[in-house]
Amino acid sequence: MQDPVEYKCAVCGSFESFRPTANGMHCKKCGARIFVKPRRTSHKELDAI
């Protein structure tokens, strides 16, 4: 069985964990079905050319 993946609700912004094989995902707070993967909090350093 796979580990749960964390998603952010696009409507209210709450975080929910779901298994990748789950069907019928919805937000427990607002009932929305639109989720996005959260962005990482850090930024990537690139060398100047």
PDB file of N, CA and C in Angstrom:
ATOM      1  N   MET A   1       0.843  -1.183   0.000  1.00  0.00           N
ATOM      2  CA  MET A   1       0.000   0.000   0.000  1.00  0.00           C
ATOM      3  C   MET A   1       0.891   1.251   0.000  1.00  0.00           C
ATOM      4  N   GLN A   2       0.470   2.268  -0.708  1.00  0.00           N
ATOM      5  CA  GLN A   2       1.281   3.474  -0.860  1.00  0.00           C
ATOM      6  C   GLN A   2       0.996   4.468   0.259  1.00  0.00           C
ATOM      7  N   ASP A   3       1.991   5.311   0.526  1.00  0.00           N
ATOM      8  CA  ASP A   3       1.849   6.347   1.549  1.00  0.00           C
ATOM      9  C   ASP A   3       0.906   7.440   1.067  1.00  0.00           C
ATOM     10  N   PRO A   4       0.210   8.100   1.993  1.00  0.00           N
ATOM     11  CA  PRO A   4      -0.681   9.200   1.591  1.00  0.00           C
ATOM     12  C   PRO A   4       0.109  10.400   1.057  1.00  0.00           C
ATOM     13  N   VAL A   5      -0.504  11.110   0.123  1.00  0.00           N
ATOM     14  CA  VAL A   5       0.095  12.306  -0.476  1.00  0.00           C
ATOM     15  C   VAL A   5      -0.684  13.510   0.027  1.00  0.00           C
ATOM     16  N   GLU A   6       0.032  14.574   0.363  1.00  0.00           N
ATOM     17  CA  GLU A   6      -0.602  15.782   0.893  1.00  0.00           C
ATOM     18  C   GLU A   6      -1.018  16.711  -0.248  1.00  0.00           C
ATOM     19  N   TYR A   7      -2.255  17.147  -0.230  1.00  0.00           N
ATOM     20  CA  TYR A   7      -2.796  18.082  -1.214  1.00  0.00           C
ATOM     21  C   TYR A   7      -3.408  19.271  -0.495  1.00  0.00           C
ATOM     22  N   LYS A   8      -3.468  20.412  -1.197  1.00  0.00           N
ATOM     23  CA  LYS A   8      -4.059  21.633  -0.656  1.00  0.00           C
ATOM     24  C   LYS A   8      -5.356  21.916  -1.401  1.00  0.00           C
ATOM     25  N   CYS A   9      -6.420  22.208  -0.664  1.00  0.00           N
ATOM     26  CA  CYS A   9      -7.707  22.537  -1.271  1.00  0.00           C
ATOM     27  C   CYS A   9      -7.575  23.886  -1.970  1.00  0.00           C
ATOM     28  N   ALA A  10      -8.029  23.964  -3.213  1.00  0.00           N
ATOM     29  CA  ALA A  10      -7.922  25.201  -3.987  1.00  0.00           C
ATOM     30  C   ALA A  10      -8.938  26.246  -3.542  1.00  0.00           C
ATOM     31  N   VAL A  11      -9.991  25.843  -2.835  1.00  0.00           N
ATOM     32  CA  VAL A  11     -11.040  26.775  -2.420  1.00  0.00           C
ATOM     33  C   VAL A  11     -10.731  27.382  -1.056  1.00  0.00           C
ATOM     34  N   CYS A  12     -10.539  26.537  -0.033  1.00  0.00           N
ATOM     35  CA  CYS A  12     -10.362  27.065   1.327  1.00  0.00           C
ATOM     36  C   CYS A  12      -8.910  27.039   1.811  1.00  0.00           C
ATOM     37  N   GLY A  13      -8.018  26.291   1.138  1.00  0.00           N
ATOM     38  CA  GLY A  13      -6.607  26.284   1.497  1.00  0.00           C
ATOM     39  C   GLY A  13      -6.211  25.290   2.565  1.00  0.00           C
ATOM     40  N   SER A  14      -7.120  24.439   3.015  1.00  0.00           N
ATOM     41  CA  SER A  14      -6.767  23.452   4.038  1.00  0.00           C
ATOM     42  C   SER A  14      -6.022  22.285   3.396  1.00  0.00           C
ATOM     43  N   PHE A  15      -5.180  21.613   4.186  1.00  0.00           N
ATOM     44  CA  PHE A  15      -4.388  20.496   3.694  1.00  0.00           C
ATOM     45  C   PHE A  15      -5.069  19.184   4.040  1.00  0.00           C
ATOM     46  N   GLU A  16      -5.092  18.273   3.068  1.00  0.00           N
ATOM     47  CA  GLU A  16      -5.694  16.951   3.237  1.00  0.00           C
ATOM     48  C   GLU A  16      -4.703  15.910   2.724  1.00  0.00           C
ATOM     49  N   SER A  17      -4.697  14.742   3.340  1.00  0.00           N
ATOM     50  CA  SER A  17      -3.858  13.635   2.890  1.00  0.00           C
ATOM     51  C   SER A  17      -4.732  12.563   2.261  1.00  0.00           C
ATOM     52  N   PHE A  18      -4.338  12.118   1.079  1.00  0.00           N
ATOM     53  CA  PHE A  18      -5.075  11.078   0.362  1.00  0.00           C
ATOM     54  C   PHE A  18      -4.103  10.047  -0.165  1.00  0.00           C
ATOM     55  N   ARG A  19      -4.566   8.841  -0.313  1.00  0.00           N
ATOM     56  CA  ARG A  19      -3.787   7.799  -0.980  1.00  0.00           C
ATOM     57  C   ARG A  19      -3.915   8.013  -2.491  1.00  0.00           C
ATOM     58  N   PRO A  20      -2.848   7.741  -3.252  1.00  0.00           N
ATOM     59  CA  PRO A  20      -2.899   7.967  -4.706  1.00  0.00           C
ATOM     60  C   PRO A  20      -3.982   7.162  -5.420  1.00  0.00           C
ATOM     61  N   THR A  21      -4.414   6.058  -4.849  1.00  0.00           N
ATOM     62  CA  THR A  21      -5.426   5.224  -5.498  1.00  0.00           C
ATOM     63  C   THR A  21      -6.839   5.552  -5.038  1.00  0.00           C
ATOM     64  N   ALA A  22      -7.009   6.591  -4.221  1.00  0.00           N
ATOM     65  CA  ALA A  22      -8.327   6.926  -3.663  1.00  0.00           C
ATOM     66  C   ALA A  22      -9.239   7.534  -4.725  1.00  0.00           C
ATOM     67  N   ASN A  23     -10.517   7.201  -4.643  1.00  0.00           N
ATOM     68  CA  ASN A  23     -11.529   7.788  -5.522  1.00  0.00           C
ATOM     69  C   ASN A  23     -12.432   8.691  -4.700  1.00  0.00           C
ATOM     70  N   GLY A  24     -13.030   9.687  -5.333  1.00  0.00           N
ATOM     71  CA  GLY A  24     -13.987  10.550  -4.646  1.00  0.00           C
ATOM     72  C   GLY A  24     -13.362  11.451  -3.601  1.00  0.00           C
ATOM     73  N   MET A  25     -12.204  12.026  -3.904  1.00  0.00           N
ATOM     74  CA  MET A  25     -11.558  12.921  -2.948  1.00  0.00           C
ATOM     75  C   MET A  25     -12.363  14.205  -2.822  1.00  0.00           C
ATOM     76  N   HIS A  26     -12.576  14.663  -1.595  1.00  0.00           N
ATOM     77  CA  HIS A  26     -13.218  15.953  -1.365  1.00  0.00           C
ATOM     78  C   HIS A  26     -12.703  16.531  -0.055  1.00  0.00           C
ATOM     79  N   CYS A  27     -12.750  17.846   0.051  1.00  0.00           N
ATOM     80  CA  CYS A  27     -12.272  18.550   1.236  1.00  0.00           C
ATOM     81  C   CYS A  27     -13.243  18.319   2.387  1.00  0.00           C
ATOM     82  N   LYS A  28     -12.706  17.991   3.552  1.00  0.00           N
ATOM     83  CA  LYS A  28     -13.559  17.761   4.722  1.00  0.00           C
ATOM     84  C   LYS A  28     -14.086  19.068   5.299  1.00  0.00           C
ATOM     85  N   LYS A  29     -13.417  20.181   4.977  1.00  0.00           N
ATOM     86  CA  LYS A  29     -13.830  21.478   5.507  1.00  0.00           C
ATOM     87  C   LYS A  29     -14.931  22.134   4.682  1.00  0.00           C
ATOM     88  N   CYS A  30     -14.734  22.211   3.353  1.00  0.00           N
ATOM     89  CA  CYS A  30     -15.684  22.947   2.516  1.00  0.00           C
ATOM     90  C   CYS A  30     -16.396  22.072   1.486  1.00  0.00           C
ATOM     91  N   GLY A  31     -15.951  20.837   1.284  1.00  0.00           N
ATOM     92  CA  GLY A  31     -16.608  19.935   0.349  1.00  0.00           C
ATOM     93  C   GLY A  31     -16.159  20.067  -1.094  1.00  0.00           C
ATOM     94  N   ALA A  32     -15.194  20.929  -1.369  1.00  0.00           N
ATOM     95  CA  ALA A  32     -14.717  21.121  -2.742  1.00  0.00           C
ATOM     96  C   ALA A  32     -13.942  19.894  -3.220  1.00  0.00           C
ATOM     97  N   ARG A  33     -13.856  19.737  -4.536  1.00  0.00           N
ATOM     98  CA  ARG A  33     -13.142  18.599  -5.116  1.00  0.00           C
ATOM     99  C   ARG A  33     -11.939  19.034  -5.941  1.00  0.00           C
ATOM    100  N   ILE A  34     -11.512  20.273  -5.791  1.00  0.00           N
ATOM    101  CA  ILE A  34     -10.372  20.792  -6.546  1.00  0.00           C
ATOM    102  C   ILE A  34      -9.174  20.872  -5.602  1.00  0.00           C
ATOM    103  N   PHE A  35      -8.111  20.125  -5.931  1.00  0.00           N
ATOM    104  CA  PHE A  35      -6.915  20.094  -5.103  1.00  0.00           C
ATOM    105  C   PHE A  35      -5.694  20.412  -5.945  1.00  0.00           C
ATOM    106  N   VAL A  36      -4.683  20.994  -5.302  1.00  0.00           N
ATOM    107  CA  VAL A  36      -3.405  21.275  -5.943  1.00  0.00           C
ATOM    108  C   VAL A  36      -2.304  20.756  -5.031  1.00  0.00           C
ATOM    109  N   LYS A  37      -1.163  20.447  -5.620  1.00  0.00           N
ATOM    110  CA  LYS A  37      -0.024  20.046  -4.802  1.00  0.00           C
ATOM    111  C   LYS A  37       0.598  21.310  -4.220  1.00  0.00           C
ATOM    112  N   PRO A  38       0.941  21.296  -2.938  1.00  0.00           N
ATOM    113  CA  PRO A  38       1.533  22.506  -2.338  1.00  0.00           C
ATOM    114  C   PRO A  38       2.928  22.770  -2.894  1.00  0.00           C
ATOM    115  N   ARG A  39       3.247  24.044  -3.033  1.00  0.00           N
ATOM    116  CA  ARG A  39       4.589  24.429  -3.484  1.00  0.00           C
ATOM    117  C   ARG A  39       5.565  24.274  -2.335  1.00  0.00           C
ATOM    118  N   ARG A  40       6.826  24.064  -2.678  1.00  0.00           N
ATOM    119  CA  ARG A  40       7.819  23.973  -1.612  1.00  0.00           C
ATOM    120  C   ARG A  40       8.075  25.356  -1.027  1.00  0.00           C
ATOM    121  N   THR A  41       8.460  25.393   0.227  1.00  0.00           N
ATOM    122  CA  THR A  41       8.633  26.668   0.925  1.00  0.00           C
ATOM    123  C   THR A  41       9.979  27.316   0.618  1.00  0.00           C
ATOM    124  N   SER A  42      10.965  26.537   0.200  1.00  0.00           N
ATOM    125  CA  SER A  42      12.284  27.095  -0.077  1.00  0.00           C
ATOM    126  C   SER A  42      12.391  27.511  -1.544  1.00  0.00           C
ATOM    127  N   HIS A  43      13.473  28.146  -1.890  1.00  0.00           N
ATOM    128  CA  HIS A  43      13.710  28.511  -3.282  1.00  0.00           C
ATOM    129  C   HIS A  43      15.031  27.908  -3.736  1.00  0.00           C
ATOM    130  N   LYS A  44      15.168  27.750  -5.020  1.00  0.00           N
ATOM    131  CA  LYS A  44      16.342  27.110  -5.585  1.00  0.00           C
ATOM    132  C   LYS A  44      17.368  28.170  -5.971  1.00  0.00           C
ATOM    133  N   GLU A  45      18.619  27.950  -5.580  1.00  0.00           N
ATOM    134  CA  GLU A  45      19.711  28.870  -5.915  1.00  0.00           C
ATOM    135  C   GLU A  45      20.344  28.440  -7.230  1.00  0.00           C
ATOM    136  N   LEU A  46      20.450  29.357  -8.179  1.00  0.00           N
ATOM    137  CA  LEU A  46      21.107  29.088  -9.451  1.00  0.00           C
ATOM    138  C   LEU A  46      22.322  29.991  -9.595  1.00  0.00           C
ATOM    139  N   ASP A  47      23.386  29.433 -10.170  1.00  0.00           N
ATOM    140  CA  ASP A  47      24.593  30.217 -10.408  1.00  0.00           C
ATOM    141  C   ASP A  47      24.392  31.111 -11.625  1.00  0.00           C
ATOM    142  N   ALA A  48      24.902  32.337 -11.551  1.00  0.00           N
ATOM    143  CA  ALA A  48      24.831  33.252 -12.692  1.00  0.00           C
ATOM    144  C   ALA A  48      25.832  32.800 -13.748  1.00  0.00           C
ATOM    145  N   ILE A  49      25.466  32.967 -14.991  1.00  0.00           N
ATOM    146  CA  ILE A  49      26.362  32.538 -16.083  1.00  0.00           C
ATOM    147  C   ILE A  49      27.245  33.690 -16.488  1.00  0.00           C
TER     148      ILE A  49
END
